[in-house]
Amino acid sequence: MKPLLVQSVSNALYAFERLSPSLGHVSWQIAVDRPTPDGLALEVEQCSCPPGYIGTSCEDCAPGYERSGHGPYLGTCVPVQQRQPQCTGPGAVSPYAGHGGRCQCKTYAQ
């Protein structure tokens, strides 16, 4: 097995020091579902996502989760919180998507 070198592409945190982290003790499992020019699989990825995340790279929020807007990479996935609609008048549209359209409120936000 050949050593694999992973180079940091972000110099924002280390303006005066360039890092070249290394990754060792890696095993690759290759699966090819179509012929490739050099006999290697392309773009093979399989992740075990933590709770609240789904997707090939765990890049999406799972059902029942939403982006918090805080944290790295567009925000972390947190459980969806039930929100009361914010109504500005009869028939107004709530800004919260989970309420599906027009408000049915009897009291209104000021």
C-alpha atoms as a PDB file:
ATOM      1  CA  MET A   1       0.000   0.000   0.000  1.00  0.00           C
ATOM      2  CA  LYS A   2       1.339   3.449  -0.915  1.00  0.00           C
ATOM      3  CA  PRO A   3       1.164   6.333   1.574  1.00  0.00           C
ATOM      4  CA  LEU A   4      -1.517   8.900   0.779  1.00  0.00           C
ATOM      5  CA  LEU A   5      -0.820  12.598   1.354  1.00  0.00           C
ATOM      6  CA  VAL A   6      -3.704  15.003   1.928  1.00  0.00           C
ATOM      7  CA  GLN A   7      -2.814  18.667   1.544  1.00  0.00           C
ATOM      8  CA  SER A   8      -4.687  21.407   3.366  1.00  0.00           C
ATOM      9  CA  VAL A   9      -6.415  23.812   0.992  1.00  0.00           C
ATOM     10  CA  SER A  10      -7.337  26.319   3.686  1.00  0.00           C
ATOM     11  CA  ASN A  11      -4.673  28.752   4.809  1.00  0.00           C
ATOM     12  CA  ALA A  12      -7.125  31.059   6.581  1.00  0.00           C
ATOM     13  CA  LEU A  13      -6.352  29.786  10.078  1.00  0.00           C
ATOM     14  CA  TYR A  14      -2.654  29.290   9.499  1.00  0.00           C
ATOM     15  CA  ALA A  15      -1.579  32.389   7.599  1.00  0.00           C
ATOM     16  CA  PHE A  16       2.086  31.940   8.458  1.00  0.00           C
ATOM     17  CA  GLU A  17       2.329  28.160   8.489  1.00  0.00           C
ATOM     18  CA  ARG A  18       1.452  25.854   5.621  1.00  0.00           C
ATOM     19  CA  LEU A  19       0.219  22.453   6.783  1.00  0.00           C
ATOM     20  CA  SER A  20       0.481  19.132   5.016  1.00  0.00           C
ATOM     21  CA  PRO A  21      -1.416  16.621   7.153  1.00  0.00           C
ATOM     22  CA  SER A  22      -0.986  12.973   6.302  1.00  0.00           C
ATOM     23  CA  LEU A  23      -3.486  10.145   6.393  1.00  0.00           C
ATOM     24  CA  GLY A  24      -2.208   6.691   7.181  1.00  0.00           C
ATOM     25  CA  HIS A  25      -3.434   3.136   7.707  1.00  0.00           C
ATOM     26  CA  VAL A  26      -6.118   3.469   5.047  1.00  0.00           C
ATOM     27  CA  SER A  27      -7.718   0.543   3.306  1.00  0.00           C
ATOM     28  CA  TRP A  28      -9.672   0.982   0.107  1.00  0.00           C
ATOM     29  CA  GLN A  29     -12.499  -1.198  -1.074  1.00  0.00           C
ATOM     30  CA  ILE A  30     -13.073  -0.727  -4.772  1.00  0.00           C
ATOM     31  CA  ALA A  31     -16.326  -1.491  -6.558  1.00  0.00           C
ATOM     32  CA  VAL A  32     -16.887  -0.788 -10.221  1.00  0.00           C
ATOM     33  CA  ASP A  33     -20.362  -0.849 -11.721  1.00  0.00           C
ATOM     34  CA  ARG A  34     -19.145   0.250 -15.148  1.00  0.00           C
ATOM     35  CA  PRO A  35     -15.885  -0.026 -17.077  1.00  0.00           C
ATOM     36  CA  THR A  36     -13.322   2.689 -16.389  1.00  0.00           C
ATOM     37  CA  PRO A  37     -10.238   3.561 -18.464  1.00  0.00           C
ATOM     38  CA  ASP A  38      -7.672   2.630 -15.823  1.00  0.00           C
ATOM     39  CA  GLY A  39      -9.581  -0.120 -14.023  1.00  0.00           C
ATOM     40  CA  LEU A  40     -10.233   1.974 -10.905  1.00  0.00           C
ATOM     41  CA  ALA A  41     -13.603   2.948  -9.476  1.00  0.00           C
ATOM     42  CA  LEU A  42     -14.460   6.625  -9.754  1.00  0.00           C
ATOM     43  CA  GLU A  43     -16.256   8.658  -7.098  1.00  0.00           C
ATOM     44  CA  VAL A  44     -17.026   5.733  -4.791  1.00  0.00           C
ATOM     45  CA  GLU A  45     -18.214   6.914  -1.418  1.00  0.00           C
ATOM     46  CA  GLN A  46     -20.099   5.264   1.402  1.00  0.00           C
ATOM     47  CA  CYS A  47     -20.549   7.053   4.709  1.00  0.00           C
ATOM     48  CA  SER A  48     -22.134   6.096   7.989  1.00  0.00           C
ATOM     49  CA  CYS A  49     -23.892   9.332   8.931  1.00  0.00           C
ATOM     50  CA  PRO A  50     -24.419  10.584  12.485  1.00  0.00           C
ATOM     51  CA  PRO A  51     -28.015  11.080  13.692  1.00  0.00           C
ATOM     52  CA  GLY A  52     -29.737  13.928  11.854  1.00  0.00           C
ATOM     53  CA  TYR A  53     -27.725  13.614   8.627  1.00  0.00           C
ATOM     54  CA  ILE A  54     -28.267  11.707   5.373  1.00  0.00           C
ATOM     55  CA  GLY A  55     -26.711  11.622   1.914  1.00  0.00           C
ATOM     56  CA  THR A  56     -23.706  10.118   0.219  1.00  0.00           C
ATOM     57  CA  SER A  57     -21.420  12.492   2.125  1.00  0.00           C
ATOM     58  CA  CYS A  58     -23.814  13.138   5.038  1.00  0.00           C
ATOM     59  CA  GLU A  59     -24.429  16.536   3.423  1.00  0.00           C
ATOM     60  CA  ASP A  60     -28.202  16.749   3.955  1.00  0.00           C
ATOM     61  CA  CYS A  61     -30.426  16.940   7.011  1.00  0.00           C
ATOM     62  CA  ALA A  62     -32.496  13.827   7.712  1.00  0.00           C
ATOM     63  CA  PRO A  63     -36.305  14.037   7.813  1.00  0.00           C
ATOM     64  CA  GLY A  64     -37.326  15.767  11.033  1.00  0.00           C
ATOM     65  CA  TYR A  65     -34.113  17.838  11.066  1.00  0.00           C
ATOM     66  CA  GLU A  66     -33.288  21.282   9.675  1.00  0.00           C
ATOM     67  CA  ARG A  67     -30.228  23.532   9.296  1.00  0.00           C
ATOM     68  CA  SER A  68     -29.545  25.622  12.378  1.00  0.00           C
ATOM     69  CA  GLY A  69     -27.786  28.418  10.505  1.00  0.00           C
ATOM     70  CA  HIS A  70     -24.946  28.146  13.032  1.00  0.00           C
ATOM     71  CA  GLY A  71     -21.803  26.076  12.861  1.00  0.00           C
ATOM     72  CA  PRO A  72     -19.672  24.883   9.973  1.00  0.00           C
ATOM     73  CA  TYR A  73     -20.835  24.115   6.442  1.00  0.00           C
ATOM     74  CA  LEU A  74     -24.104  26.083   6.289  1.00  0.00           C
ATOM     75  CA  GLY A  75     -25.046  25.117   9.854  1.00  0.00           C
ATOM     76  CA  THR A  76     -25.574  21.903  11.745  1.00  0.00           C
ATOM     77  CA  CYS A  77     -28.671  19.720  11.458  1.00  0.00           C
ATOM     78  CA  VAL A  78     -30.903  20.032  14.527  1.00  0.00           C
ATOM     79  CA  PRO A  79     -34.344  18.557  15.293  1.00  0.00           C
ATOM     80  CA  VAL A  80     -37.185  20.584  13.777  1.00  0.00           C
ATOM     81  CA  GLN A  81     -38.946  22.707  16.380  1.00  0.00           C
ATOM     82  CA  GLN A  82     -42.659  23.306  16.052  1.00  0.00           C
ATOM     83  CA  ARG A  83     -43.218  27.033  15.570  1.00  0.00           C
ATOM     84  CA  GLN A  84     -46.392  28.990  15.926  1.00  0.00           C
ATOM     85  CA  PRO A  85     -47.374  30.856  12.775  1.00  0.00           C
ATOM     86  CA  GLN A  86     -46.586  34.569  12.755  1.00  0.00           C
ATOM     87  CA  CYS A  87     -49.655  36.286  11.427  1.00  0.00           C
ATOM     88  CA  THR A  88     -49.807  39.928  10.442  1.00  0.00           C
ATOM     89  CA  GLY A  89     -53.459  39.846   9.419  1.00  0.00           C
ATOM     90  CA  PRO A  90     -56.286  37.563   8.284  1.00  0.00           C
ATOM     91  CA  GLY A  91     -55.143  35.344   5.428  1.00  0.00           C
ATOM     92  CA  ALA A  92     -51.488  36.417   5.744  1.00  0.00           C
ATOM     93  CA  VAL A  93     -48.838  33.880   4.778  1.00  0.00           C
ATOM     94  CA  SER A  94     -46.811  32.522   7.681  1.00  0.00           C
ATOM     95  CA  PRO A  95     -43.023  32.726   7.135  1.00  0.00           C
ATOM     96  CA  TYR A  96     -42.683  29.185   8.484  1.00  0.00           C
ATOM     97  CA  ALA A  97     -43.015  26.572   5.761  1.00  0.00           C
ATOM     98  CA  GLY A  98     -44.412  23.943   8.126  1.00  0.00           C
ATOM     99  CA  HIS A  99     -47.715  25.804   8.401  1.00  0.00           C
ATOM    100  CA  GLY A 100     -48.573  25.312   4.756  1.00  0.00           C
ATOM    101  CA  GLY A 101     -49.929  28.645   3.669  1.00  0.00           C
ATOM    102  CA  ARG A 102     -52.478  31.085   4.977  1.00  0.00           C
ATOM    103  CA  CYS A 103     -52.801  31.993   8.642  1.00  0.00           C
ATOM    104  CA  GLN A 104     -55.920  31.153  10.577  1.00  0.00           C
ATOM    105  CA  CYS A 105     -54.947  33.336  13.560  1.00  0.00           C
ATOM    106  CA  LYS A 106     -57.338  35.233  15.786  1.00  0.00           C
ATOM    107  CA  THR A 107     -54.502  37.319  17.306  1.00  0.00           C
ATOM    108  CA  TYR A 108     -51.816  39.034  15.285  1.00  0.00           C
ATOM    109  CA  ALA A 109     -48.191  40.013  15.827  1.00  0.00           C
ATOM    110  CA  GLN A 110     -47.597  43.729  16.277  1.00  0.00           C
END
